[in-house]
Amino acid sequence: MAGLIYSLCALTAFACAFLILRSYIRHRHRLLLWSGLCFVGMAANNLLLVIDRLLVPGTDLSIWRLGTALAALLPLLYGLIWEEE
């Protein structure tokens, strides 16, 4: 059951990233770009969670997951602080 939930979270983050980046291509609002990149990183983070918990349960990928979570939030943080409209 946990594997299904982890997979659905990864698919949801990927779908959000796809929709947000598609909207960025149409409207060219910079905040959509930063949000889309954030969700790409979140999808990668969730994919690492699936790999960590289901495919290789004997290894600890928590440092890699935390690193991707930090990398995912940095573009959004940059966009919220430095972008002007």
C-alpha atoms as a PDB file:
ATOM      1  CA  MET A   1       0.000   0.000   0.000  1.00  0.00           C
ATOM      2  CA  ALA A   2       2.854   2.396   0.790  1.00  0.00           C
ATOM      3  CA  GLY A   3       4.343   1.815  -2.655  1.00  0.00           C
ATOM      4  CA  LEU A   4       1.105   2.883  -4.289  1.00  0.00           C
ATOM      5  CA  ILE A   5       1.008   6.087  -2.255  1.00  0.00           C
ATOM      6  CA  TYR A   6       4.676   6.897  -2.998  1.00  0.00           C
ATOM      7  CA  SER A   7       4.095   6.298  -6.703  1.00  0.00           C
ATOM      8  CA  LEU A   8       0.961   8.431  -6.777  1.00  0.00           C
ATOM      9  CA  CYS A   9       2.815  11.277  -5.072  1.00  0.00           C
ATOM     10  CA  ALA A  10       5.579  11.088  -7.685  1.00  0.00           C
ATOM     11  CA  LEU A  11       3.067  11.025 -10.536  1.00  0.00           C
ATOM     12  CA  THR A  12       1.149  13.955  -9.058  1.00  0.00           C
ATOM     13  CA  ALA A  13       4.304  16.063  -8.714  1.00  0.00           C
ATOM     14  CA  PHE A  14       5.283  15.215 -12.298  1.00  0.00           C
ATOM     15  CA  ALA A  15       1.806  16.130 -13.567  1.00  0.00           C
ATOM     16  CA  CYS A  16       1.916  19.442 -11.684  1.00  0.00           C
ATOM     17  CA  ALA A  17       5.349  20.207 -13.131  1.00  0.00           C
ATOM     18  CA  PHE A  18       4.130  19.403 -16.643  1.00  0.00           C
ATOM     19  CA  LEU A  19       1.014  21.561 -16.340  1.00  0.00           C
ATOM     20  CA  ILE A  20       2.819  24.505 -14.773  1.00  0.00           C
ATOM     21  CA  LEU A  21       5.635  24.474 -17.328  1.00  0.00           C
ATOM     22  CA  ARG A  22       3.115  24.172 -20.160  1.00  0.00           C
ATOM     23  CA  SER A  23       1.340  27.220 -18.752  1.00  0.00           C
ATOM     24  CA  TYR A  24       4.668  29.042 -18.592  1.00  0.00           C
ATOM     25  CA  ILE A  25       5.273  28.347 -22.282  1.00  0.00           C
ATOM     26  CA  ARG A  26       1.884  29.839 -23.144  1.00  0.00           C
ATOM     27  CA  HIS A  27       1.853  32.900 -20.867  1.00  0.00           C
ATOM     28  CA  ARG A  28       5.536  33.608 -20.101  1.00  0.00           C
ATOM     29  CA  HIS A  29       5.002  34.568 -16.458  1.00  0.00           C
ATOM     30  CA  ARG A  30       8.346  34.030 -14.751  1.00  0.00           C
ATOM     31  CA  LEU A  31       6.839  32.796 -11.497  1.00  0.00           C
ATOM     32  CA  LEU A  32       5.347  29.871 -13.413  1.00  0.00           C
ATOM     33  CA  LEU A  33       8.847  28.921 -14.528  1.00  0.00           C
ATOM     34  CA  TRP A  34      10.219  28.912 -10.992  1.00  0.00           C
ATOM     35  CA  SER A  35       7.198  26.977  -9.705  1.00  0.00           C
ATOM     36  CA  GLY A  36       7.504  24.444 -12.513  1.00  0.00           C
ATOM     37  CA  LEU A  37      11.175  23.887 -11.782  1.00  0.00           C
ATOM     38  CA  CYS A  38      10.318  23.439  -8.124  1.00  0.00           C
ATOM     39  CA  PHE A  39       7.810  20.732  -8.990  1.00  0.00           C
ATOM     40  CA  VAL A  40      10.331  19.008 -11.276  1.00  0.00           C
ATOM     41  CA  GLY A  41      12.619  18.779  -8.262  1.00  0.00           C
ATOM     42  CA  MET A  42       9.778  17.537  -6.077  1.00  0.00           C
ATOM     43  CA  ALA A  43       8.996  14.843  -8.640  1.00  0.00           C
ATOM     44  CA  ALA A  44      12.665  13.805  -8.570  1.00  0.00           C
ATOM     45  CA  ASN A  45      12.535  13.773  -4.779  1.00  0.00           C
ATOM     46  CA  ASN A  46       9.462  11.538  -4.815  1.00  0.00           C
ATOM     47  CA  LEU A  47      11.086   9.274  -7.387  1.00  0.00           C
ATOM     48  CA  LEU A  48      14.081   8.903  -5.079  1.00  0.00           C
ATOM     49  CA  LEU A  49      11.670   8.054  -2.271  1.00  0.00           C
ATOM     50  CA  VAL A  50      10.165   5.257  -4.361  1.00  0.00           C
ATOM     51  CA  ILE A  51      13.639   3.958  -5.167  1.00  0.00           C
ATOM     52  CA  ASP A  52      14.749   4.231  -1.541  1.00  0.00           C
ATOM     53  CA  ARG A  53      11.746   2.533   0.029  1.00  0.00           C
ATOM     54  CA  LEU A  54      10.759  -0.012  -2.610  1.00  0.00           C
ATOM     55  CA  LEU A  55      13.595  -0.907  -4.966  1.00  0.00           C
ATOM     56  CA  VAL A  56      16.633  -0.811  -2.672  1.00  0.00           C
ATOM     57  CA  PRO A  57      15.313  -0.913   0.902  1.00  0.00           C
ATOM     58  CA  GLY A  58      18.700  -1.950   2.284  1.00  0.00           C
ATOM     59  CA  THR A  59      20.399   1.325   1.379  1.00  0.00           C
ATOM     60  CA  ASP A  60      19.802   4.747   2.848  1.00  0.00           C
ATOM     61  CA  LEU A  61      19.151   7.461   0.281  1.00  0.00           C
ATOM     62  CA  SER A  62      17.894  10.017   2.789  1.00  0.00           C
ATOM     63  CA  ILE A  63      20.828  12.399   2.192  1.00  0.00           C
ATOM     64  CA  TRP A  64      20.138  12.345  -1.553  1.00  0.00           C
ATOM     65  CA  ARG A  65      16.433  12.893  -0.945  1.00  0.00           C
ATOM     66  CA  LEU A  66      17.117  15.864   1.330  1.00  0.00           C
ATOM     67  CA  GLY A  67      19.513  17.295  -1.235  1.00  0.00           C
ATOM     68  CA  THR A  68      16.954  17.084  -4.013  1.00  0.00           C
ATOM     69  CA  ALA A  69      14.306  18.616  -1.756  1.00  0.00           C
ATOM     70  CA  LEU A  70      16.617  21.561  -1.076  1.00  0.00           C
ATOM     71  CA  ALA A  71      17.482  21.871  -4.763  1.00  0.00           C
ATOM     72  CA  ALA A  72      13.769  21.779  -5.606  1.00  0.00           C
ATOM     73  CA  LEU A  73      12.917  24.662  -3.310  1.00  0.00           C
ATOM     74  CA  LEU A  74      15.786  26.942  -4.328  1.00  0.00           C
ATOM     75  CA  PRO A  75      14.350  28.028  -7.728  1.00  0.00           C
ATOM     76  CA  LEU A  76      11.003  28.867  -6.165  1.00  0.00           C
ATOM     77  CA  LEU A  77      12.703  30.776  -3.360  1.00  0.00           C
ATOM     78  CA  TYR A  78      14.767  32.693  -5.909  1.00  0.00           C
ATOM     79  CA  GLY A  79      11.684  33.505  -7.944  1.00  0.00           C
ATOM     80  CA  LEU A  80       9.728  34.707  -4.939  1.00  0.00           C
ATOM     81  CA  ILE A  81      12.511  36.935  -3.635  1.00  0.00           C
ATOM     82  CA  TRP A  82      14.252  38.360  -6.687  1.00  0.00           C
ATOM     83  CA  GLU A  83      11.675  38.451  -9.475  1.00  0.00           C
ATOM     84  CA  GLU A  84       9.855  41.725  -9.946  1.00  0.00           C
ATOM     85  CA  GLU A  85       6.660  42.360 -11.840  1.00  0.00           C
END
